[in-house]
């Protein structure tokens, strides 16, 4: 029987592993980070990593899932009372809070394990769904132009990805989205908003 104290220790260890992995993936990248690196950063034995995650791929998938899940939940919360700007602003805020990690996802996404890539697509789809509802409401009210959701979402993602991938040009001493995010959001909204 697992005692409450042991269960809490296991939960803290798992959390430490996930947090350490996310930090390392952001700094070193998914490809360069080993499970030994994660164990050392978390202050646990290498075997502890595998006691919580059967494979390195499972660890990567869990980290991506938690990152995306937080952002998708944030977008969904604001969507319940907000329009297009609120949805995109919540998405932007979530990415800005974890810009280094997001940049690594953009840079190395095609090399992620299959299930992590699938999870990333599902997260993007959840955000796109919220944007679709906001676009439809805005179009019905006459405040937003009618545009295909896939076009609007892909344009938004492409814009963000362009800035994070070229941070050296846009924000050489800082974070591209923190530096340019609000301006990008305002310009993007200029394209979508109906003007009288």
N, C-alpha and C. Protein backbone atom coordinates (compact mmCIF):
# COMPACT_ATOMS: atom_id res chain seq x y z
N UNK A 1 0.84 -1.18 0.00
CA UNK A 1 0.00 0.00 0.00
C UNK A 1 0.90 1.25 0.00
N UNK A 2 0.54 2.18 -0.87
CA UNK A 2 1.31 3.42 -0.97
C UNK A 2 0.74 4.41 0.03
N UNK A 3 1.62 4.91 0.89
CA UNK A 3 1.18 5.88 1.89
C UNK A 3 1.00 7.24 1.23
N UNK A 4 0.28 8.10 1.93
CA UNK A 4 0.04 9.45 1.42
C UNK A 4 1.36 10.20 1.25
N UNK A 5 2.26 10.06 2.21
CA UNK A 5 3.56 10.76 2.12
C UNK A 5 4.34 10.26 0.92
N UNK A 6 4.31 8.97 0.66
CA UNK A 6 5.04 8.42 -0.49
C UNK A 6 4.42 8.90 -1.80
N UNK A 7 3.10 8.94 -1.84
CA UNK A 7 2.40 9.42 -3.03
C UNK A 7 2.76 10.88 -3.30
N UNK A 8 2.83 11.68 -2.25
CA UNK A 8 3.21 13.09 -2.40
C UNK A 8 4.65 13.22 -2.89
N UNK A 9 5.55 12.39 -2.36
CA UNK A 9 6.95 12.41 -2.81
C UNK A 9 7.04 12.05 -4.28
N UNK A 10 6.29 11.03 -4.69
CA UNK A 10 6.28 10.63 -6.10
C UNK A 10 5.76 11.76 -6.98
N UNK A 11 4.73 12.42 -6.51
CA UNK A 11 4.15 13.53 -7.28
C UNK A 11 5.15 14.68 -7.39
N UNK A 12 5.84 15.00 -6.30
CA UNK A 12 6.85 16.07 -6.33
C UNK A 12 8.00 15.70 -7.26
N UNK A 13 8.41 14.43 -7.22
CA UNK A 13 9.51 13.99 -8.09
C UNK A 13 9.08 14.08 -9.55
N UNK A 14 7.89 13.62 -9.86
CA UNK A 14 7.39 13.70 -11.23
C UNK A 14 7.33 15.15 -11.70
N UNK A 15 6.83 16.02 -10.84
CA UNK A 15 6.75 17.45 -11.18
C UNK A 15 8.15 18.02 -11.42
N UNK A 16 9.09 17.68 -10.58
CA UNK A 16 10.47 18.17 -10.73
C UNK A 16 11.07 17.69 -12.06
N UNK A 17 10.80 16.45 -12.41
CA UNK A 17 11.30 15.92 -13.68
C UNK A 17 10.69 16.69 -14.85
N UNK A 18 9.39 16.90 -14.82
CA UNK A 18 8.71 17.62 -15.91
C UNK A 18 9.21 19.06 -16.02
N UNK A 19 9.33 19.74 -14.89
CA UNK A 19 9.80 21.13 -14.90
C UNK A 19 11.24 21.21 -15.39
N UNK A 20 12.08 20.30 -14.94
CA UNK A 20 13.48 20.30 -15.37
C UNK A 20 13.58 20.01 -16.86
N UNK A 21 12.80 19.05 -17.32
CA UNK A 21 12.82 18.71 -18.75
C UNK A 21 12.37 19.90 -19.59
N UNK A 22 11.30 20.56 -19.18
CA UNK A 22 10.81 21.72 -19.93
C UNK A 22 11.87 22.81 -19.98
N UNK A 23 12.53 23.07 -18.88
CA UNK A 23 13.58 24.09 -18.85
C UNK A 23 14.75 23.73 -19.74
N UNK A 24 15.16 22.48 -19.69
CA UNK A 24 16.27 22.03 -20.54
C UNK A 24 15.89 22.04 -22.02
N UNK A 25 14.68 21.60 -22.32
CA UNK A 25 14.25 21.61 -23.72
C UNK A 25 14.26 23.05 -24.25
N UNK A 26 13.86 23.99 -23.41
CA UNK A 26 13.84 25.40 -23.82
C UNK A 26 15.27 25.91 -24.04
N UNK A 27 16.19 25.55 -23.15
CA UNK A 27 17.56 26.06 -23.25
C UNK A 27 18.41 25.32 -24.27
N UNK A 28 18.39 23.99 -24.20
CA UNK A 28 19.29 23.18 -25.04
C UNK A 28 18.62 22.64 -26.30
N UNK A 29 17.32 22.51 -26.24
CA UNK A 29 16.58 21.91 -27.34
C UNK A 29 16.17 20.49 -27.01
N UNK A 30 15.19 20.01 -27.74
CA UNK A 30 14.69 18.65 -27.54
C UNK A 30 15.74 17.63 -27.95
N UNK A 31 16.41 17.91 -29.05
CA UNK A 31 17.35 16.94 -29.61
C UNK A 31 18.61 16.81 -28.76
N UNK A 32 19.06 17.88 -28.14
CA UNK A 32 20.32 17.87 -27.40
C UNK A 32 20.17 17.46 -25.94
N UNK A 33 18.96 17.43 -25.43
CA UNK A 33 18.72 17.11 -24.03
C UNK A 33 18.57 15.61 -23.84
N UNK A 34 19.35 15.06 -22.91
CA UNK A 34 19.26 13.62 -22.61
C UNK A 34 18.47 13.41 -21.32
N UNK A 35 18.04 12.19 -21.10
CA UNK A 35 17.35 11.88 -19.84
C UNK A 35 18.32 12.02 -18.66
N UNK A 36 19.60 11.78 -18.88
CA UNK A 36 20.59 11.99 -17.82
C UNK A 36 20.66 13.47 -17.45
N UNK A 37 20.57 14.35 -18.45
CA UNK A 37 20.55 15.79 -18.18
C UNK A 37 19.33 16.15 -17.33
N UNK A 38 18.20 15.57 -17.67
CA UNK A 38 16.95 15.84 -16.94
C UNK A 38 17.07 15.36 -15.50
N UNK A 39 17.59 14.16 -15.32
CA UNK A 39 17.75 13.62 -13.97
C UNK A 39 18.65 14.51 -13.12
N UNK A 40 19.76 14.92 -13.70
CA UNK A 40 20.69 15.79 -12.96
C UNK A 40 20.03 17.12 -12.59
N UNK A 41 19.34 17.74 -13.54
CA UNK A 41 18.68 19.02 -13.28
C UNK A 41 17.57 18.89 -12.24
N UNK A 42 16.89 17.75 -12.22
CA UNK A 42 15.80 17.52 -11.27
C UNK A 42 16.31 17.07 -9.91
N UNK A 43 17.59 16.69 -9.85
CA UNK A 43 18.16 16.21 -8.59
C UNK A 43 17.68 14.83 -8.21
N UNK A 44 17.46 13.99 -9.25
CA UNK A 44 17.02 12.61 -9.01
C UNK A 44 17.96 11.66 -9.74
N UNK A 45 17.83 10.39 -9.43
CA UNK A 45 18.64 9.40 -10.14
C UNK A 45 18.10 9.24 -11.57
N UNK A 46 18.99 8.76 -12.43
CA UNK A 46 18.58 8.55 -13.82
C UNK A 46 17.42 7.55 -13.88
N UNK A 47 17.47 6.54 -13.04
CA UNK A 47 16.39 5.54 -13.00
C UNK A 47 15.05 6.13 -12.60
N UNK A 48 15.08 7.19 -11.79
CA UNK A 48 13.82 7.83 -11.37
C UNK A 48 13.06 8.40 -12.56
N UNK A 49 13.80 8.90 -13.54
CA UNK A 49 13.14 9.43 -14.73
C UNK A 49 12.31 8.32 -15.37
N UNK A 50 12.91 7.14 -15.48
CA UNK A 50 12.21 6.02 -16.13
C UNK A 50 11.18 5.35 -15.24
N UNK A 51 11.26 5.61 -13.94
CA UNK A 51 10.21 5.12 -13.05
C UNK A 51 8.92 5.91 -13.26
N UNK A 52 9.07 7.14 -13.75
CA UNK A 52 7.90 8.00 -13.97
C UNK A 52 7.47 8.06 -15.44
N UNK A 53 8.43 7.86 -16.33
CA UNK A 53 8.16 7.92 -17.77
C UNK A 53 8.88 6.74 -18.41
N UNK A 54 8.13 5.86 -19.03
CA UNK A 54 8.70 4.61 -19.55
C UNK A 54 9.80 4.86 -20.58
N UNK A 55 9.66 5.93 -21.36
CA UNK A 55 10.64 6.22 -22.41
C UNK A 55 10.89 7.73 -22.45
N UNK A 56 11.95 8.10 -23.11
CA UNK A 56 12.24 9.52 -23.32
C UNK A 56 11.12 10.15 -24.14
N UNK A 57 10.63 9.43 -25.14
CA UNK A 57 9.54 9.94 -25.97
C UNK A 57 8.30 10.26 -25.13
N UNK A 58 8.01 9.41 -24.16
CA UNK A 58 6.86 9.65 -23.29
C UNK A 58 7.08 10.92 -22.46
N UNK A 59 8.29 11.15 -22.00
CA UNK A 59 8.61 12.37 -21.26
C UNK A 59 8.41 13.61 -22.14
N UNK A 60 8.92 13.55 -23.36
CA UNK A 60 8.77 14.67 -24.29
C UNK A 60 7.28 14.93 -24.54
N UNK A 61 6.52 13.88 -24.79
CA UNK A 61 5.08 14.05 -25.06
C UNK A 61 4.38 14.70 -23.87
N UNK A 62 4.73 14.27 -22.66
CA UNK A 62 4.08 14.82 -21.47
C UNK A 62 4.40 16.30 -21.30
N UNK A 63 5.65 16.68 -21.55
CA UNK A 63 6.05 18.09 -21.42
C UNK A 63 5.30 18.93 -22.46
N UNK A 64 5.24 18.46 -23.69
CA UNK A 64 4.53 19.18 -24.75
C UNK A 64 3.04 19.28 -24.40
N UNK A 65 2.48 18.20 -23.90
CA UNK A 65 1.06 18.19 -23.54
C UNK A 65 0.77 19.21 -22.45
N UNK A 66 1.61 19.25 -21.43
CA UNK A 66 1.38 20.21 -20.34
C UNK A 66 1.52 21.65 -20.82
N UNK A 67 2.53 21.91 -21.63
CA UNK A 67 2.73 23.26 -22.18
C UNK A 67 1.50 23.68 -22.99
N UNK A 68 1.13 22.86 -23.93
CA UNK A 68 0.01 23.20 -24.81
C UNK A 68 -1.32 23.22 -24.08
N UNK A 69 -1.48 22.32 -23.14
CA UNK A 69 -2.72 22.27 -22.39
C UNK A 69 -2.98 23.54 -21.60
N UNK A 70 -1.91 24.08 -21.01
CA UNK A 70 -2.06 25.34 -20.26
C UNK A 70 -2.50 26.47 -21.19
N UNK A 71 -1.88 26.54 -22.36
CA UNK A 71 -2.22 27.62 -23.29
C UNK A 71 -3.63 27.44 -23.83
N UNK A 72 -3.98 26.21 -24.22
CA UNK A 72 -5.32 25.95 -24.74
C UNK A 72 -6.38 26.27 -23.69
N UNK A 73 -6.13 25.92 -22.43
CA UNK A 73 -7.10 26.21 -21.36
C UNK A 73 -7.24 27.71 -21.15
N UNK A 74 -6.13 28.43 -21.22
CA UNK A 74 -6.15 29.89 -21.08
C UNK A 74 -6.97 30.52 -22.20
N UNK A 75 -6.78 30.05 -23.42
CA UNK A 75 -7.52 30.57 -24.56
C UNK A 75 -9.01 30.26 -24.40
N UNK A 76 -9.32 29.05 -23.97
CA UNK A 76 -10.73 28.66 -23.80
C UNK A 76 -11.40 29.51 -22.72
N UNK A 77 -10.69 29.79 -21.63
CA UNK A 77 -11.26 30.62 -20.55
C UNK A 77 -11.64 32.01 -21.05
N UNK A 78 -10.76 32.65 -21.80
CA UNK A 78 -11.07 34.01 -22.26
C UNK A 78 -12.10 33.98 -23.38
N UNK A 79 -12.15 32.90 -24.12
CA UNK A 79 -13.09 32.78 -25.23
C UNK A 79 -14.53 32.85 -24.74
N UNK A 80 -14.77 32.35 -23.55
CA UNK A 80 -16.13 32.30 -23.03
C UNK A 80 -16.74 33.69 -22.90
N UNK A 81 -15.92 34.73 -22.80
CA UNK A 81 -16.48 36.07 -22.69
C UNK A 81 -15.85 37.06 -23.65
N UNK A 82 -14.99 36.59 -24.54
CA UNK A 82 -14.27 37.52 -25.38
C UNK A 82 -14.34 37.19 -26.85
N UNK A 83 -13.91 38.12 -27.64
CA UNK A 83 -13.92 37.97 -29.08
C UNK A 83 -12.56 37.56 -29.63
N UNK A 84 -12.35 37.87 -30.89
CA UNK A 84 -11.13 37.48 -31.59
C UNK A 84 -9.90 38.04 -30.90
N UNK A 85 -9.92 39.32 -30.57
CA UNK A 85 -8.75 39.92 -29.93
C UNK A 85 -8.44 39.21 -28.60
N UNK A 86 -9.44 38.89 -27.83
CA UNK A 86 -9.22 38.22 -26.55
C UNK A 86 -8.60 36.84 -26.75
N UNK A 87 -9.09 36.10 -27.74
CA UNK A 87 -8.56 34.76 -28.02
C UNK A 87 -7.09 34.86 -28.43
N UNK A 88 -6.79 35.74 -29.37
CA UNK A 88 -5.41 35.86 -29.84
C UNK A 88 -4.49 36.42 -28.77
N UNK A 89 -5.01 37.33 -27.96
CA UNK A 89 -4.22 37.90 -26.87
C UNK A 89 -3.88 36.83 -25.84
N UNK A 90 -4.84 35.98 -25.50
CA UNK A 90 -4.57 34.89 -24.54
C UNK A 90 -3.55 33.92 -25.11
N UNK A 91 -3.68 33.61 -26.39
CA UNK A 91 -2.71 32.73 -27.05
C UNK A 91 -1.33 33.36 -27.00
N UNK A 92 -1.24 34.61 -27.36
CA UNK A 92 0.03 35.34 -27.34
C UNK A 92 0.62 35.37 -25.94
N UNK A 93 -0.19 35.67 -24.94
CA UNK A 93 0.29 35.72 -23.55
C UNK A 93 0.89 34.39 -23.12
N UNK A 94 0.20 33.30 -23.46
CA UNK A 94 0.71 31.98 -23.10
C UNK A 94 2.04 31.67 -23.77
N UNK A 95 2.16 32.06 -25.02
CA UNK A 95 3.42 31.83 -25.74
C UNK A 95 4.53 32.73 -25.21
N UNK A 96 4.19 33.97 -24.88
CA UNK A 96 5.21 34.89 -24.35
C UNK A 96 5.75 34.39 -23.01
N UNK A 97 4.89 33.81 -22.20
CA UNK A 97 5.33 33.30 -20.90
C UNK A 97 6.33 32.15 -21.04
N UNK A 98 6.30 31.47 -22.19
CA UNK A 98 7.17 30.31 -22.42
C UNK A 98 7.81 30.42 -23.80
N UNK A 99 8.28 31.60 -24.14
CA UNK A 99 8.76 31.84 -25.50
C UNK A 99 9.94 30.95 -25.88
N UNK A 100 10.88 30.73 -24.98
CA UNK A 100 12.05 29.91 -25.31
C UNK A 100 11.61 28.48 -25.63
N UNK A 101 10.67 27.95 -24.85
CA UNK A 101 10.16 26.60 -25.10
C UNK A 101 9.42 26.56 -26.44
N UNK A 102 8.56 27.55 -26.67
CA UNK A 102 7.81 27.60 -27.92
C UNK A 102 8.75 27.69 -29.11
N UNK A 103 9.80 28.49 -28.99
CA UNK A 103 10.77 28.61 -30.08
C UNK A 103 11.38 27.26 -30.41
N UNK A 104 11.72 26.50 -29.37
CA UNK A 104 12.28 25.15 -29.62
C UNK A 104 11.25 24.25 -30.30
N UNK A 105 9.99 24.37 -29.91
CA UNK A 105 8.94 23.58 -30.58
C UNK A 105 8.88 23.92 -32.07
N UNK A 106 8.96 25.20 -32.38
CA UNK A 106 8.91 25.64 -33.77
C UNK A 106 10.15 25.13 -34.52
N UNK A 107 11.31 25.28 -33.90
CA UNK A 107 12.57 24.89 -34.55
C UNK A 107 12.68 23.38 -34.75
N UNK A 108 12.26 22.61 -33.74
CA UNK A 108 12.53 21.18 -33.75
C UNK A 108 11.26 20.33 -33.86
N UNK A 109 10.13 20.97 -34.10
CA UNK A 109 8.86 20.26 -34.10
C UNK A 109 8.81 19.04 -34.99
N UNK A 110 9.41 19.13 -36.16
CA UNK A 110 9.33 17.98 -37.08
C UNK A 110 10.16 16.80 -36.60
N UNK A 111 11.02 17.01 -35.59
CA UNK A 111 11.84 15.93 -35.06
C UNK A 111 11.30 15.34 -33.76
N UNK A 112 10.18 15.89 -33.30
CA UNK A 112 9.58 15.38 -32.07
C UNK A 112 9.07 13.96 -32.28
N UNK A 113 8.97 13.19 -31.20
CA UNK A 113 8.34 11.87 -31.32
C UNK A 113 6.92 12.01 -31.88
N UNK A 114 6.47 10.98 -32.56
CA UNK A 114 5.18 11.00 -33.25
C UNK A 114 4.04 11.44 -32.34
N UNK A 115 3.96 10.88 -31.13
CA UNK A 115 2.85 11.24 -30.23
C UNK A 115 2.95 12.68 -29.75
N UNK A 116 4.16 13.19 -29.58
CA UNK A 116 4.31 14.60 -29.19
C UNK A 116 3.88 15.51 -30.33
N UNK A 117 4.22 15.14 -31.54
CA UNK A 117 3.79 15.93 -32.71
C UNK A 117 2.26 15.91 -32.84
N UNK A 118 1.68 14.74 -32.63
CA UNK A 118 0.22 14.61 -32.68
C UNK A 118 -0.42 15.50 -31.62
N UNK A 119 0.16 15.50 -30.43
CA UNK A 119 -0.37 16.33 -29.35
C UNK A 119 -0.26 17.81 -29.69
N UNK A 120 0.82 18.20 -30.31
CA UNK A 120 1.00 19.60 -30.71
C UNK A 120 -0.08 20.00 -31.73
N UNK A 121 -0.38 19.13 -32.66
CA UNK A 121 -1.44 19.39 -33.64
C UNK A 121 -2.80 19.50 -32.95
N UNK A 122 -3.05 18.63 -31.98
CA UNK A 122 -4.32 18.69 -31.25
C UNK A 122 -4.47 19.99 -30.47
N UNK A 123 -3.38 20.46 -29.90
CA UNK A 123 -3.41 21.72 -29.15
C UNK A 123 -3.69 22.87 -30.11
N UNK A 124 -3.00 22.89 -31.24
CA UNK A 124 -3.23 23.95 -32.24
C UNK A 124 -4.68 23.90 -32.71
N UNK A 125 -5.21 22.70 -32.87
CA UNK A 125 -6.59 22.55 -33.31
C UNK A 125 -7.56 23.11 -32.27
N UNK A 126 -7.27 22.89 -30.99
CA UNK A 126 -8.13 23.43 -29.93
C UNK A 126 -8.13 24.95 -29.95
N UNK A 127 -6.98 25.54 -30.17
CA UNK A 127 -6.90 27.01 -30.25
C UNK A 127 -7.62 27.50 -31.50
N UNK A 128 -7.45 26.80 -32.61
CA UNK A 128 -8.12 27.16 -33.85
C UNK A 128 -9.64 27.10 -33.69
N UNK A 129 -10.12 26.13 -32.94
CA UNK A 129 -11.56 26.00 -32.69
C UNK A 129 -12.09 27.22 -31.95
N UNK A 130 -11.35 27.68 -30.96
CA UNK A 130 -11.76 28.87 -30.21
C UNK A 130 -11.75 30.11 -31.11
N UNK A 131 -10.72 30.20 -31.94
CA UNK A 131 -10.65 31.32 -32.88
C UNK A 131 -11.81 31.27 -33.87
N UNK A 132 -12.14 30.08 -34.34
CA UNK A 132 -13.24 29.94 -35.30
C UNK A 132 -14.55 30.46 -34.72
N UNK A 133 -14.83 30.11 -33.47
CA UNK A 133 -16.06 30.58 -32.84
C UNK A 133 -16.05 32.09 -32.69
N UNK A 134 -14.91 32.64 -32.30
CA UNK A 134 -14.81 34.10 -32.14
C UNK A 134 -14.94 34.81 -33.48
N UNK A 135 -14.34 34.25 -34.52
CA UNK A 135 -14.46 34.85 -35.86
C UNK A 135 -15.91 34.84 -36.32
N UNK A 136 -16.59 33.74 -36.11
CA UNK A 136 -17.99 33.63 -36.52
C UNK A 136 -18.86 34.65 -35.78
N UNK A 137 -18.65 34.77 -34.47
CA UNK A 137 -19.43 35.75 -33.70
C UNK A 137 -19.15 37.17 -34.18
N UNK A 138 -17.88 37.47 -34.40
CA UNK A 138 -17.51 38.81 -34.88
C UNK A 138 -18.09 39.10 -36.25
N UNK A 139 -18.06 38.10 -37.13
CA UNK A 139 -18.62 38.27 -38.48
C UNK A 139 -20.12 38.47 -38.40
N UNK A 140 -20.79 37.73 -37.53
CA UNK A 140 -22.24 37.87 -37.36
C UNK A 140 -22.62 39.25 -36.85
N UNK A 141 -21.78 39.82 -36.01
CA UNK A 141 -22.03 41.17 -35.48
C UNK A 141 -21.58 42.26 -36.45
N UNK A 142 -20.84 41.87 -37.48
CA UNK A 142 -20.36 42.84 -38.45
C UNK A 142 -19.09 43.56 -38.03
N UNK A 143 -18.40 43.04 -37.01
CA UNK A 143 -17.18 43.71 -36.54
C UNK A 143 -15.91 43.06 -37.10
N UNK A 144 -16.06 41.84 -37.61
CA UNK A 144 -14.92 41.09 -38.16
C UNK A 144 -15.28 40.65 -39.58
N UNK A 145 -14.32 40.78 -40.49
CA UNK A 145 -14.53 40.31 -41.87
C UNK A 145 -14.70 38.79 -41.87
N UNK A 146 -15.48 38.32 -42.80
CA UNK A 146 -15.60 36.87 -42.98
C UNK A 146 -14.34 36.37 -43.69
N UNK A 147 -13.58 35.55 -43.01
CA UNK A 147 -12.37 34.96 -43.59
C UNK A 147 -12.36 33.48 -43.24
N UNK A 148 -11.77 32.66 -44.10
CA UNK A 148 -11.67 31.24 -43.77
C UNK A 148 -10.82 31.06 -42.50
N UNK A 149 -11.30 30.24 -41.60
CA UNK A 149 -10.62 30.03 -40.32
C UNK A 149 -9.21 29.50 -40.53
N UNK A 150 -9.06 28.55 -41.45
CA UNK A 150 -7.72 27.98 -41.65
C UNK A 150 -6.74 29.04 -42.12
N UNK A 151 -7.20 29.96 -42.97
CA UNK A 151 -6.35 31.03 -43.45
C UNK A 151 -5.96 31.96 -42.29
N UNK A 152 -6.95 32.38 -41.51
CA UNK A 152 -6.68 33.29 -40.40
C UNK A 152 -5.74 32.65 -39.38
N UNK A 153 -6.01 31.42 -39.01
CA UNK A 153 -5.18 30.76 -37.99
C UNK A 153 -3.76 30.52 -38.50
N UNK A 154 -3.65 30.02 -39.73
CA UNK A 154 -2.31 29.76 -40.28
C UNK A 154 -1.52 31.05 -40.47
N UNK A 155 -2.20 32.12 -40.84
CA UNK A 155 -1.53 33.41 -40.97
C UNK A 155 -1.02 33.88 -39.60
N UNK A 156 -1.84 33.73 -38.57
CA UNK A 156 -1.46 34.11 -37.21
C UNK A 156 -0.26 33.29 -36.73
N UNK A 157 -0.35 31.98 -36.89
CA UNK A 157 0.75 31.10 -36.45
C UNK A 157 2.01 31.40 -37.26
N UNK A 158 1.86 31.57 -38.54
CA UNK A 158 3.02 31.88 -39.39
C UNK A 158 3.70 33.17 -38.98
N UNK A 159 2.91 34.16 -38.63
CA UNK A 159 3.45 35.44 -38.19
C UNK A 159 4.25 35.27 -36.89
N UNK A 160 3.66 34.59 -35.92
CA UNK A 160 4.36 34.36 -34.65
C UNK A 160 5.63 33.54 -34.86
N UNK A 161 5.51 32.48 -35.65
CA UNK A 161 6.66 31.61 -35.87
C UNK A 161 7.79 32.35 -36.59
N UNK A 162 7.44 33.23 -37.52
CA UNK A 162 8.46 34.01 -38.22
C UNK A 162 9.25 34.86 -37.24
N UNK A 163 8.57 35.47 -36.31
CA UNK A 163 9.26 36.34 -35.35
C UNK A 163 10.12 35.53 -34.37
N UNK A 164 9.62 34.40 -33.87
CA UNK A 164 10.46 33.64 -32.93
C UNK A 164 11.64 32.98 -33.63
N UNK A 165 11.45 32.55 -34.87
CA UNK A 165 12.55 31.92 -35.61
C UNK A 165 13.62 32.93 -36.01
N UNK A 166 13.25 34.19 -36.08
CA UNK A 166 14.20 35.24 -36.47
C UNK A 166 14.41 36.24 -35.33
N UNK A 167 14.41 35.73 -34.12
CA UNK A 167 14.60 36.57 -32.94
C UNK A 167 15.86 37.42 -33.05
N UNK A 168 16.90 36.85 -33.64
CA UNK A 168 18.16 37.59 -33.77
C UNK A 168 17.97 38.88 -34.56
N UNK A 169 16.99 38.92 -35.45
CA UNK A 169 16.72 40.13 -36.23
C UNK A 169 15.75 41.07 -35.51
N UNK A 170 14.74 40.49 -34.87
CA UNK A 170 13.68 41.30 -34.29
C UNK A 170 13.91 41.71 -32.84
N UNK A 171 14.62 40.90 -32.10
CA UNK A 171 14.87 41.20 -30.67
C UNK A 171 16.17 40.54 -30.25
N UNK A 172 17.30 41.02 -30.76
CA UNK A 172 18.57 40.36 -30.52
C UNK A 172 18.94 40.22 -29.04
N UNK A 173 18.44 41.08 -28.21
CA UNK A 173 18.79 41.02 -26.78
C UNK A 173 17.62 40.57 -25.91
N UNK A 174 16.55 40.14 -26.52
CA UNK A 174 15.38 39.79 -25.73
C UNK A 174 14.53 38.75 -26.41
N UNK A 175 13.25 38.81 -26.11
CA UNK A 175 12.30 37.86 -26.66
C UNK A 175 11.48 38.55 -27.74
N UNK A 176 11.36 37.90 -28.87
CA UNK A 176 10.67 38.49 -30.01
C UNK A 176 9.20 38.77 -29.71
N UNK A 177 8.50 37.82 -29.09
CA UNK A 177 7.08 38.01 -28.85
C UNK A 177 6.83 39.04 -27.76
N UNK A 178 7.69 39.07 -26.75
CA UNK A 178 7.53 40.10 -25.71
C UNK A 178 7.81 41.48 -26.30
N UNK A 179 8.73 41.56 -27.23
CA UNK A 179 9.08 42.84 -27.84
C UNK A 179 8.04 43.28 -28.86
N UNK A 180 7.58 42.36 -29.70
CA UNK A 180 6.72 42.71 -30.84
C UNK A 180 5.29 42.19 -30.75
N UNK A 181 4.99 41.36 -29.78
CA UNK A 181 3.70 40.67 -29.74
C UNK A 181 2.48 41.55 -29.83
N UNK A 182 2.42 42.60 -29.03
CA UNK A 182 1.23 43.47 -29.03
C UNK A 182 1.08 44.19 -30.37
N UNK A 183 2.20 44.61 -30.92
CA UNK A 183 2.14 45.29 -32.22
C UNK A 183 1.66 44.30 -33.30
N UNK A 184 2.15 43.08 -33.25
CA UNK A 184 1.70 42.06 -34.20
C UNK A 184 0.21 41.80 -34.06
N UNK A 185 -0.25 41.70 -32.83
CA UNK A 185 -1.67 41.48 -32.58
C UNK A 185 -2.50 42.64 -33.14
N UNK A 186 -2.06 43.85 -32.89
CA UNK A 186 -2.81 45.02 -33.39
C UNK A 186 -2.84 45.04 -34.92
N UNK A 187 -1.73 44.76 -35.55
CA UNK A 187 -1.69 44.75 -37.03
C UNK A 187 -2.56 43.62 -37.58
N UNK A 188 -2.52 42.47 -36.93
CA UNK A 188 -3.34 41.34 -37.38
C UNK A 188 -4.82 41.69 -37.26
N UNK A 189 -5.18 42.33 -36.16
CA UNK A 189 -6.58 42.74 -35.98
C UNK A 189 -6.99 43.79 -37.00
N UNK A 190 -6.05 44.64 -37.42
CA UNK A 190 -6.35 45.61 -38.48
C UNK A 190 -6.80 44.90 -39.76
N UNK A 191 -6.23 43.73 -40.02
CA UNK A 191 -6.61 42.97 -41.20
C UNK A 191 -7.99 42.36 -41.08
N UNK A 192 -8.38 42.02 -39.85
CA UNK A 192 -9.64 41.31 -39.63
C UNK A 192 -10.84 42.20 -39.35
N UNK A 193 -10.60 43.35 -38.73
CA UNK A 193 -11.73 44.17 -38.28
C UNK A 193 -12.38 44.92 -39.44
N UNK A 194 -13.69 44.91 -39.40
CA UNK A 194 -14.47 45.69 -40.36
C UNK A 194 -14.39 47.15 -39.97
N UNK A 195 -14.18 48.01 -40.93
CA UNK A 195 -14.15 49.44 -40.68
C UNK A 195 -15.38 50.07 -41.34
N UNK A 196 -16.05 50.98 -40.64
CA UNK A 196 -17.25 51.62 -41.22
C UNK A 196 -16.90 52.51 -42.39
